[in-house]
Amino acid sequence: MSYPPVRRLRDRCRPACGQPLIRVSLAERETRRRTGQSEGEWHASVAPYILEVVESGAYPHFTRRVVEARDPSFTEQFTFGLERILDGVSAG
């Protein structure tokens, strides 16, 4: 099985679709304060480790998640969140 290059693995380590944007933003800010690294720098620093884990073959579920991951657009994230809110309102 062929795996994406490290830079593509780095790009796939994104917040899950549907997380509130403010939570993601605050988490990124706190991580930058704590580590002294930007999000991109942090992703670059962990990408070799993730690639090592993927290539080991020891964690097939993790590998599948990394390989199949995609980065949802802002519109997709917004739509997902709005649908959850409207579902909650209509159920109430």
N, C-alpha and C. Protein backbone atom coordinates (compact mmCIF):
# COMPACT_ATOMS: atom_id res chain seq x y z
N MET A 1 0.84 -1.19 0.00
CA MET A 1 0.00 0.00 0.00
C MET A 1 0.88 1.24 0.00
N SER A 2 0.52 2.20 -0.78
CA SER A 2 1.27 3.45 -0.89
C SER A 2 0.65 4.51 0.01
N TYR A 3 1.49 5.27 0.70
CA TYR A 3 0.99 6.29 1.62
C TYR A 3 1.33 7.67 1.10
N PRO A 4 0.53 8.67 1.50
CA PRO A 4 0.80 10.04 1.04
C PRO A 4 2.14 10.53 1.59
N PRO A 5 2.78 11.44 0.88
CA PRO A 5 4.03 12.01 1.40
C PRO A 5 3.79 12.72 2.73
N VAL A 6 4.88 12.96 3.47
CA VAL A 6 4.78 13.58 4.79
C VAL A 6 4.00 14.88 4.73
N ARG A 7 4.24 15.71 3.75
CA ARG A 7 3.53 17.00 3.71
C ARG A 7 2.02 16.80 3.61
N ARG A 8 1.59 15.74 2.91
CA ARG A 8 0.15 15.47 2.82
C ARG A 8 -0.38 14.94 4.13
N LEU A 9 0.41 14.14 4.84
CA LEU A 9 -0.02 13.67 6.16
C LEU A 9 -0.18 14.86 7.09
N ARG A 10 0.77 15.78 7.02
CA ARG A 10 0.71 16.98 7.87
C ARG A 10 -0.58 17.73 7.59
N ASP A 11 -0.94 17.86 6.33
CA ASP A 11 -2.14 18.61 5.96
C ASP A 11 -3.42 17.92 6.41
N ARG A 12 -3.35 16.60 6.65
CA ARG A 12 -4.54 15.85 7.03
C ARG A 12 -4.80 15.88 8.53
N CYS A 13 -3.89 16.38 9.31
CA CYS A 13 -4.06 16.44 10.76
C CYS A 13 -4.83 17.70 11.11
N ARG A 14 -6.06 17.73 10.82
CA ARG A 14 -6.90 18.91 11.01
C ARG A 14 -8.00 18.62 12.03
N PRO A 15 -8.59 19.68 12.58
CA PRO A 15 -9.71 19.47 13.51
C PRO A 15 -10.87 18.77 12.83
N ALA A 16 -11.61 18.03 13.60
CA ALA A 16 -12.75 17.28 13.06
C ALA A 16 -13.82 18.24 12.57
N CYS A 17 -14.47 17.84 11.51
CA CYS A 17 -15.57 18.61 10.95
C CYS A 17 -16.66 18.78 12.02
N GLY A 18 -17.18 19.96 12.14
CA GLY A 18 -18.26 20.20 13.08
C GLY A 18 -17.82 20.80 14.40
N GLN A 19 -16.52 20.85 14.66
CA GLN A 19 -16.08 21.50 15.89
C GLN A 19 -16.35 22.99 15.76
N PRO A 20 -16.86 23.61 16.81
CA PRO A 20 -17.09 25.05 16.74
C PRO A 20 -15.79 25.78 16.41
N LEU A 21 -15.88 26.69 15.46
CA LEU A 21 -14.72 27.42 14.98
C LEU A 21 -14.00 28.14 16.12
N ILE A 22 -14.73 28.72 17.05
CA ILE A 22 -14.09 29.44 18.16
C ILE A 22 -13.28 28.48 19.02
N ARG A 23 -13.78 27.26 19.24
CA ARG A 23 -13.04 26.27 20.03
C ARG A 23 -11.73 25.91 19.34
N VAL A 24 -11.80 25.72 18.04
CA VAL A 24 -10.60 25.40 17.27
C VAL A 24 -9.61 26.55 17.34
N SER A 25 -10.11 27.76 17.16
CA SER A 25 -9.25 28.94 17.20
C SER A 25 -8.58 29.10 18.55
N LEU A 26 -9.33 28.94 19.63
CA LEU A 26 -8.76 29.05 20.97
C LEU A 26 -7.75 27.94 21.25
N ALA A 27 -8.04 26.74 20.78
CA ALA A 27 -7.12 25.63 20.97
C ALA A 27 -5.81 25.88 20.22
N GLU A 28 -5.91 26.42 19.01
CA GLU A 28 -4.71 26.74 18.24
C GLU A 28 -3.90 27.82 18.92
N ARG A 29 -4.57 28.83 19.45
CA ARG A 29 -3.88 29.91 20.15
C ARG A 29 -3.17 29.38 21.40
N GLU A 30 -3.84 28.53 22.16
CA GLU A 30 -3.24 27.96 23.37
C GLU A 30 -2.05 27.07 23.02
N THR A 31 -2.18 26.29 21.96
CA THR A 31 -1.07 25.44 21.54
C THR A 31 0.13 26.28 21.13
N ARG A 32 -0.12 27.36 20.42
CA ARG A 32 0.98 28.24 20.00
C ARG A 32 1.66 28.85 21.23
N ARG A 33 0.86 29.28 22.21
CA ARG A 33 1.42 29.87 23.42
C ARG A 33 2.27 28.85 24.18
N ARG A 34 1.73 27.63 24.29
CA ARG A 34 2.38 26.59 25.06
C ARG A 34 3.65 26.04 24.38
N THR A 35 3.58 25.86 23.06
CA THR A 35 4.69 25.23 22.35
C THR A 35 5.64 26.21 21.68
N GLY A 36 5.17 27.42 21.44
CA GLY A 36 5.98 28.38 20.69
C GLY A 36 6.00 28.09 19.21
N GLN A 37 5.11 27.20 18.74
CA GLN A 37 5.06 26.83 17.33
C GLN A 37 3.70 27.21 16.74
N SER A 38 3.73 27.60 15.47
CA SER A 38 2.48 27.82 14.77
C SER A 38 1.86 26.45 14.48
N GLU A 39 0.62 26.46 14.03
CA GLU A 39 -0.03 25.19 13.70
C GLU A 39 0.75 24.45 12.63
N GLY A 40 1.17 25.16 11.60
CA GLY A 40 1.94 24.54 10.53
C GLY A 40 3.26 23.97 11.01
N GLU A 41 3.94 24.69 11.89
CA GLU A 41 5.21 24.21 12.46
C GLU A 41 4.98 22.95 13.29
N TRP A 42 3.90 22.96 14.08
CA TRP A 42 3.60 21.79 14.90
C TRP A 42 3.30 20.58 14.01
N HIS A 43 2.47 20.79 12.98
CA HIS A 43 2.16 19.70 12.07
C HIS A 43 3.42 19.15 11.42
N ALA A 44 4.32 20.05 11.01
CA ALA A 44 5.57 19.61 10.40
C ALA A 44 6.42 18.81 11.38
N SER A 45 6.35 19.17 12.66
CA SER A 45 7.17 18.48 13.66
C SER A 45 6.64 17.08 13.98
N VAL A 46 5.33 16.86 13.88
CA VAL A 46 4.77 15.54 14.19
C VAL A 46 4.60 14.66 12.96
N ALA A 47 4.68 15.24 11.77
CA ALA A 47 4.48 14.46 10.54
C ALA A 47 5.44 13.28 10.42
N PRO A 48 6.73 13.42 10.74
CA PRO A 48 7.60 12.24 10.64
C PRO A 48 7.17 11.11 11.58
N TYR A 49 6.71 11.45 12.76
CA TYR A 49 6.24 10.42 13.70
C TYR A 49 4.98 9.73 13.15
N ILE A 50 4.06 10.52 12.64
CA ILE A 50 2.83 9.94 12.08
C ILE A 50 3.17 9.03 10.91
N LEU A 51 4.09 9.46 10.06
CA LEU A 51 4.51 8.63 8.93
C LEU A 51 5.13 7.32 9.43
N GLU A 52 5.93 7.39 10.48
CA GLU A 52 6.54 6.19 11.06
C GLU A 52 5.46 5.23 11.56
N VAL A 53 4.45 5.77 12.25
CA VAL A 53 3.36 4.94 12.77
C VAL A 53 2.59 4.30 11.61
N VAL A 54 2.29 5.08 10.59
CA VAL A 54 1.55 4.57 9.43
C VAL A 54 2.35 3.48 8.73
N GLU A 55 3.63 3.73 8.50
CA GLU A 55 4.45 2.76 7.77
C GLU A 55 4.71 1.49 8.58
N SER A 56 4.58 1.56 9.90
CA SER A 56 4.82 0.37 10.72
C SER A 56 3.77 -0.70 10.47
N GLY A 57 2.57 -0.29 10.07
CA GLY A 57 1.49 -1.24 9.84
C GLY A 57 0.85 -1.74 11.12
N ALA A 58 1.31 -1.26 12.26
CA ALA A 58 0.80 -1.75 13.55
C ALA A 58 -0.56 -1.16 13.93
N TYR A 59 -0.96 -0.09 13.29
CA TYR A 59 -2.20 0.59 13.66
C TYR A 59 -3.06 0.82 12.42
N PRO A 60 -3.70 -0.23 11.92
CA PRO A 60 -4.44 -0.11 10.66
C PRO A 60 -5.62 0.86 10.72
N HIS A 61 -6.28 0.97 11.86
CA HIS A 61 -7.41 1.90 11.96
C HIS A 61 -6.92 3.35 11.92
N PHE A 62 -5.84 3.62 12.63
CA PHE A 62 -5.24 4.96 12.60
C PHE A 62 -4.77 5.29 11.19
N THR A 63 -4.12 4.33 10.55
CA THR A 63 -3.62 4.53 9.19
C THR A 63 -4.76 4.87 8.24
N ARG A 64 -5.84 4.11 8.35
CA ARG A 64 -6.99 4.38 7.48
C ARG A 64 -7.52 5.79 7.70
N ARG A 65 -7.60 6.22 8.96
CA ARG A 65 -8.08 7.57 9.26
C ARG A 65 -7.18 8.63 8.65
N VAL A 66 -5.87 8.43 8.77
CA VAL A 66 -4.92 9.41 8.24
C VAL A 66 -5.00 9.45 6.72
N VAL A 67 -5.00 8.29 6.10
CA VAL A 67 -4.99 8.22 4.64
C VAL A 67 -6.30 8.72 4.04
N GLU A 68 -7.42 8.43 4.68
CA GLU A 68 -8.72 8.80 4.13
C GLU A 68 -9.20 10.18 4.58
N ALA A 69 -8.48 10.80 5.48
CA ALA A 69 -8.92 12.10 6.01
C ALA A 69 -8.99 13.15 4.91
N ARG A 70 -9.91 14.06 5.08
CA ARG A 70 -9.98 15.20 4.17
C ARG A 70 -10.26 16.44 5.00
N ASP A 71 -9.92 17.57 4.46
CA ASP A 71 -10.06 18.83 5.16
C ASP A 71 -11.33 19.52 4.69
N PRO A 72 -12.40 19.51 5.50
CA PRO A 72 -13.66 20.12 5.06
C PRO A 72 -13.50 21.63 4.89
N SER A 73 -14.19 22.17 3.92
CA SER A 73 -14.16 23.61 3.68
C SER A 73 -14.91 24.34 4.80
N PHE A 74 -14.72 25.63 4.86
CA PHE A 74 -15.44 26.43 5.86
C PHE A 74 -16.95 26.25 5.67
N THR A 75 -17.40 26.27 4.42
CA THR A 75 -18.84 26.12 4.14
C THR A 75 -19.35 24.77 4.64
N GLU A 76 -18.58 23.70 4.42
CA GLU A 76 -18.99 22.38 4.91
C GLU A 76 -19.06 22.36 6.44
N GLN A 77 -18.07 22.96 7.10
CA GLN A 77 -18.07 23.01 8.56
C GLN A 77 -19.26 23.81 9.07
N PHE A 78 -19.51 24.96 8.45
CA PHE A 78 -20.62 25.81 8.86
C PHE A 78 -21.95 25.08 8.67
N THR A 79 -22.12 24.47 7.50
CA THR A 79 -23.36 23.75 7.20
C THR A 79 -23.58 22.62 8.19
N PHE A 80 -22.53 21.85 8.49
CA PHE A 80 -22.64 20.75 9.45
C PHE A 80 -23.09 21.28 10.81
N GLY A 81 -22.45 22.34 11.29
CA GLY A 81 -22.81 22.91 12.59
C GLY A 81 -24.23 23.45 12.62
N LEU A 82 -24.61 24.16 11.56
CA LEU A 82 -25.96 24.72 11.47
C LEU A 82 -27.01 23.61 11.46
N GLU A 83 -26.74 22.55 10.72
CA GLU A 83 -27.68 21.42 10.70
C GLU A 83 -27.85 20.81 12.08
N ARG A 84 -26.78 20.68 12.85
CA ARG A 84 -26.88 20.13 14.22
C ARG A 84 -27.74 21.04 15.09
N ILE A 85 -27.53 22.35 14.97
CA ILE A 85 -28.32 23.31 15.76
C ILE A 85 -29.78 23.21 15.38
N LEU A 86 -30.08 23.22 14.09
CA LEU A 86 -31.48 23.16 13.64
C LEU A 86 -32.13 21.84 14.01
N ASP A 87 -31.37 20.74 13.95
CA ASP A 87 -31.91 19.44 14.41
C ASP A 87 -32.28 19.52 15.88
N GLY A 88 -31.43 20.13 16.69
CA GLY A 88 -31.71 20.27 18.12
C GLY A 88 -32.93 21.12 18.39
N VAL A 89 -33.07 22.22 17.67
CA VAL A 89 -34.21 23.10 17.84
C VAL A 89 -35.49 22.39 17.42
N SER A 90 -35.46 21.67 16.31
CA SER A 90 -36.68 21.00 15.84
C SER A 90 -37.06 19.83 16.75
N ALA A 91 -36.09 19.23 17.39
CA ALA A 91 -36.39 18.11 18.30
C ALA A 91 -36.95 18.60 19.63
N GLY A 92 -36.67 19.84 19.96
CA GLY A 92 -37.09 20.40 21.26
C GLY A 92 -38.46 20.87 21.26
